[in-house]
Amino acid sequence: MQSLSVVVHAAWARLVRWQMLHRQRQQLAALSDEMLKDIGRSRADVEAEVSRPFWDDPLRRR
């Protein structure tokens, strides 16, 4: 059985990660179309990413 501190730490890390994902998605949405073109993304790509729920973490895909 995991200790309480391990569980609390994991929960805290997940909350921090979700907050970071939300912030990054908002920053991506704020880029101009010219900036998006420079990185090879379209406004449609950004809209699809921004519409994802905060808990949808691409690094946790299984």
Protein backbone atom coordinates (compact mmCIF):
# COMPACT_ATOMS: atom_id res chain seq x y z
CA MET A 1 0.00 0.00 0.00
CA GLN A 2 1.26 3.46 -0.86
CA SER A 3 1.90 5.88 1.92
CA LEU A 4 -0.29 8.94 2.23
CA SER A 5 2.59 11.26 1.36
CA VAL A 6 3.19 9.43 -1.93
CA VAL A 7 -0.48 9.73 -2.85
CA VAL A 8 -0.61 13.41 -1.90
CA HIS A 9 2.57 14.12 -3.86
CA ALA A 10 1.23 12.35 -6.96
CA ALA A 11 -2.06 14.25 -6.73
CA TRP A 12 -0.22 17.56 -6.33
CA ALA A 13 2.05 16.78 -9.31
CA ARG A 14 -0.98 15.99 -11.46
CA LEU A 15 -2.71 19.26 -10.49
CA VAL A 16 0.44 21.22 -11.31
CA ARG A 17 0.69 19.43 -14.68
CA TRP A 18 -2.95 20.21 -15.50
CA GLN A 19 -2.42 23.87 -14.67
CA MET A 20 0.67 23.96 -16.88
CA LEU A 21 -1.23 22.34 -19.79
CA HIS A 22 -4.02 24.88 -19.47
CA ARG A 23 -1.54 27.78 -19.48
CA GLN A 24 0.35 26.40 -22.49
CA ARG A 25 -2.85 25.93 -24.45
CA GLN A 26 -3.90 29.50 -23.72
CA GLN A 27 -0.48 30.78 -24.80
CA LEU A 28 -0.76 28.76 -28.02
CA ALA A 29 -4.17 30.30 -28.69
CA ALA A 30 -2.67 33.78 -28.29
CA LEU A 31 -0.14 33.28 -31.10
CA SER A 32 -0.73 35.13 -34.35
CA ASP A 33 -1.46 33.27 -37.56
CA GLU A 34 2.01 34.23 -38.80
CA MET A 35 3.63 32.72 -35.70
CA LEU A 36 1.57 29.57 -36.09
CA LYS A 37 2.69 29.29 -39.71
CA ASP A 38 6.31 29.55 -38.54
CA ILE A 39 5.85 26.50 -36.33
CA GLY A 40 3.84 24.58 -38.90
CA ARG A 41 0.44 24.83 -37.22
CA SER A 42 -2.87 26.21 -38.38
CA ARG A 43 -5.56 28.04 -36.47
CA ALA A 44 -7.65 24.85 -36.76
CA ASP A 45 -4.85 22.87 -35.07
CA VAL A 46 -4.83 25.39 -32.24
CA GLU A 47 -8.60 25.34 -31.84
CA ALA A 48 -8.54 21.56 -31.60
CA GLU A 49 -5.81 21.70 -28.94
CA VAL A 50 -7.43 24.49 -26.92
CA SER A 51 -10.79 22.71 -26.89
CA ARG A 52 -9.29 19.66 -25.17
CA PRO A 53 -10.14 19.34 -21.48
CA PHE A 54 -7.38 20.33 -19.05
CA TRP A 55 -6.94 16.73 -17.88
CA ASP A 56 -6.29 15.47 -21.43
CA ASP A 57 -2.51 15.15 -21.18
CA PRO A 58 -0.79 14.02 -24.39
CA LEU A 59 2.10 12.61 -22.33
CA ARG A 60 -0.20 10.20 -20.51
CA ARG A 61 -1.56 8.43 -23.60
CA ARG A 62 -1.67 4.65 -23.28
